[in-house]
């Protein structure tokens, strides 16, 4: 699935590349995942899409945050109030 070769500019480095068969498989898998996502997103009602997009942007921003910063913020913030099911 991968081919290894020595970097001609720096023989200490090993270069790793996908074989043509592995690259073809990667392209097919990528296309399949895109089709799955498109199908899932097409099921959202037009009025739901902006809400989904904002939620997704918030999730991406949180995941990009430094884990140390996130942990410090969690420790600094007061615990959320417990809600009851009533």
C-alpha atoms as a PDB file:
ATOM      1  CA  UNK A   1       0.000   0.000   0.000  1.00  0.00           C
ATOM      2  CA  UNK A   2       3.022   2.308   0.446  1.00  0.00           C
ATOM      3  CA  UNK A   3       6.332   2.734  -1.309  1.00  0.00           C
ATOM      4  CA  UNK A   4       9.426   3.743   0.586  1.00  0.00           C
ATOM      5  CA  UNK A   5      12.396   5.526  -0.936  1.00  0.00           C
ATOM      6  CA  UNK A   6      15.383   7.512   0.230  1.00  0.00           C
ATOM      7  CA  UNK A   7      15.280  11.285  -0.134  1.00  0.00           C
ATOM      8  CA  UNK A   8      18.020  12.045  -2.685  1.00  0.00           C
ATOM      9  CA  UNK A   9      18.581  15.470  -1.111  1.00  0.00           C
ATOM     10  CA  UNK A  10      19.034  13.993   2.386  1.00  0.00           C
ATOM     11  CA  UNK A  11      19.765  10.287   2.486  1.00  0.00           C
ATOM     12  CA  UNK A  12      18.900  10.184   6.203  1.00  0.00           C
ATOM     13  CA  UNK A  13      15.233  10.697   5.346  1.00  0.00           C
ATOM     14  CA  UNK A  14      12.873   7.997   4.152  1.00  0.00           C
ATOM     15  CA  UNK A  15      10.074   9.123   1.860  1.00  0.00           C
ATOM     16  CA  UNK A  16       6.777   7.261   2.031  1.00  0.00           C
ATOM     17  CA  UNK A  17       4.171   7.463  -0.733  1.00  0.00           C
ATOM     18  CA  UNK A  18       0.970   5.601  -1.545  1.00  0.00           C
ATOM     19  CA  UNK A  19       1.156   3.011  -4.290  1.00  0.00           C
ATOM     20  CA  UNK A  20      -1.020   3.700  -7.351  1.00  0.00           C
ATOM     21  CA  UNK A  21      -3.494   1.078  -6.088  1.00  0.00           C
ATOM     22  CA  UNK A  22      -3.628   2.691  -2.634  1.00  0.00           C
ATOM     23  CA  UNK A  23      -4.088   6.141  -4.193  1.00  0.00           C
ATOM     24  CA  UNK A  24      -6.981   4.829  -6.299  1.00  0.00           C
ATOM     25  CA  UNK A  25      -8.546   3.293  -3.181  1.00  0.00           C
ATOM     26  CA  UNK A  26      -8.108   6.604  -1.301  1.00  0.00           C
ATOM     27  CA  UNK A  27      -9.854   8.495  -4.106  1.00  0.00           C
ATOM     28  CA  UNK A  28     -12.775   6.027  -4.153  1.00  0.00           C
ATOM     29  CA  UNK A  29     -13.131   6.177  -0.377  1.00  0.00           C
ATOM     30  CA  UNK A  30     -13.011   9.982  -0.422  1.00  0.00           C
ATOM     31  CA  UNK A  31     -15.731  10.097  -3.093  1.00  0.00           C
ATOM     32  CA  UNK A  32     -17.878   7.686  -1.089  1.00  0.00           C
ATOM     33  CA  UNK A  33     -17.546   9.768   2.089  1.00  0.00           C
ATOM     34  CA  UNK A  34     -18.420  12.966   0.174  1.00  0.00           C
ATOM     35  CA  UNK A  35     -21.521  11.265  -1.238  1.00  0.00           C
ATOM     36  CA  UNK A  36     -22.542  10.082   2.237  1.00  0.00           C
ATOM     37  CA  UNK A  37     -22.139  13.585   3.655  1.00  0.00           C
ATOM     38  CA  UNK A  38     -24.060  15.156   0.772  1.00  0.00           C
ATOM     39  CA  UNK A  39     -26.918  12.682   1.273  1.00  0.00           C
ATOM     40  CA  UNK A  40     -27.025  13.380   5.008  1.00  0.00           C
ATOM     41  CA  UNK A  41     -26.921  17.169   4.557  1.00  0.00           C
ATOM     42  CA  UNK A  42     -29.578  17.066   1.841  1.00  0.00           C
ATOM     43  CA  UNK A  43     -31.954  15.610   4.433  1.00  0.00           C
ATOM     44  CA  UNK A  44     -31.791  18.813   6.483  1.00  0.00           C
ATOM     45  CA  UNK A  45     -34.673  21.184   5.897  1.00  0.00           C
ATOM     46  CA  UNK A  46     -33.522  24.512   4.414  1.00  0.00           C
ATOM     47  CA  UNK A  47     -34.387  26.342   7.649  1.00  0.00           C
ATOM     48  CA  UNK A  48     -32.294  23.854   9.667  1.00  0.00           C
ATOM     49  CA  UNK A  49     -29.109  24.362   7.629  1.00  0.00           C
ATOM     50  CA  UNK A  50     -27.986  27.704   9.129  1.00  0.00           C
ATOM     51  CA  UNK A  51     -28.410  26.314  12.655  1.00  0.00           C
ATOM     52  CA  UNK A  52     -26.440  23.196  11.730  1.00  0.00           C
ATOM     53  CA  UNK A  53     -23.694  25.302  10.140  1.00  0.00           C
ATOM     54  CA  UNK A  54     -23.342  27.524  13.234  1.00  0.00           C
ATOM     55  CA  UNK A  55     -23.223  24.447  15.454  1.00  0.00           C
ATOM     56  CA  UNK A  56     -20.605  22.817  13.257  1.00  0.00           C
ATOM     57  CA  UNK A  57     -18.495  26.002  13.243  1.00  0.00           C
ATOM     58  CA  UNK A  58     -18.663  26.144  17.055  1.00  0.00           C
ATOM     59  CA  UNK A  59     -17.609  22.495  17.275  1.00  0.00           C
ATOM     60  CA  UNK A  60     -14.665  23.038  14.906  1.00  0.00           C
ATOM     61  CA  UNK A  61     -13.556  26.119  16.866  1.00  0.00           C
ATOM     62  CA  UNK A  62     -13.689  24.181  20.136  1.00  0.00           C
ATOM     63  CA  UNK A  63     -11.748  21.248  18.668  1.00  0.00           C
ATOM     64  CA  UNK A  64      -9.054  23.613  17.378  1.00  0.00           C
ATOM     65  CA  UNK A  65      -8.606  25.115  20.823  1.00  0.00           C
ATOM     66  CA  UNK A  66      -5.487  24.189  22.747  1.00  0.00           C
ATOM     67  CA  UNK A  67      -6.347  21.385  25.208  1.00  0.00           C
ATOM     68  CA  UNK A  68      -4.430  23.134  27.999  1.00  0.00           C
ATOM     69  CA  UNK A  69      -6.396  26.357  27.473  1.00  0.00           C
ATOM     70  CA  UNK A  70      -9.648  24.451  27.353  1.00  0.00           C
ATOM     71  CA  UNK A  71      -8.836  22.614  30.594  1.00  0.00           C
ATOM     72  CA  UNK A  72      -7.949  25.907  32.307  1.00  0.00           C
ATOM     73  CA  UNK A  73     -11.246  27.460  31.173  1.00  0.00           C
ATOM     74  CA  UNK A  74     -13.187  24.449  32.464  1.00  0.00           C
ATOM     75  CA  UNK A  75     -11.527  24.735  35.866  1.00  0.00           C
ATOM     76  CA  UNK A  76     -12.122  28.491  36.041  1.00  0.00           C
ATOM     77  CA  UNK A  77     -15.808  28.427  35.136  1.00  0.00           C
ATOM     78  CA  UNK A  78     -18.442  27.743  37.786  1.00  0.00           C
ATOM     79  CA  UNK A  79     -20.281  24.464  37.512  1.00  0.00           C
ATOM     80  CA  UNK A  80     -23.489  24.691  35.499  1.00  0.00           C
ATOM     81  CA  UNK A  81     -26.684  24.512  37.469  1.00  0.00           C
ATOM     82  CA  UNK A  82     -28.266  21.092  37.640  1.00  0.00           C
ATOM     83  CA  UNK A  83     -31.543  20.898  35.810  1.00  0.00           C
ATOM     84  CA  UNK A  84     -34.393  18.675  36.735  1.00  0.00           C
ATOM     85  CA  UNK A  85     -36.689  16.964  34.325  1.00  0.00           C
ATOM     86  CA  UNK A  86     -39.721  18.881  35.562  1.00  0.00           C
END
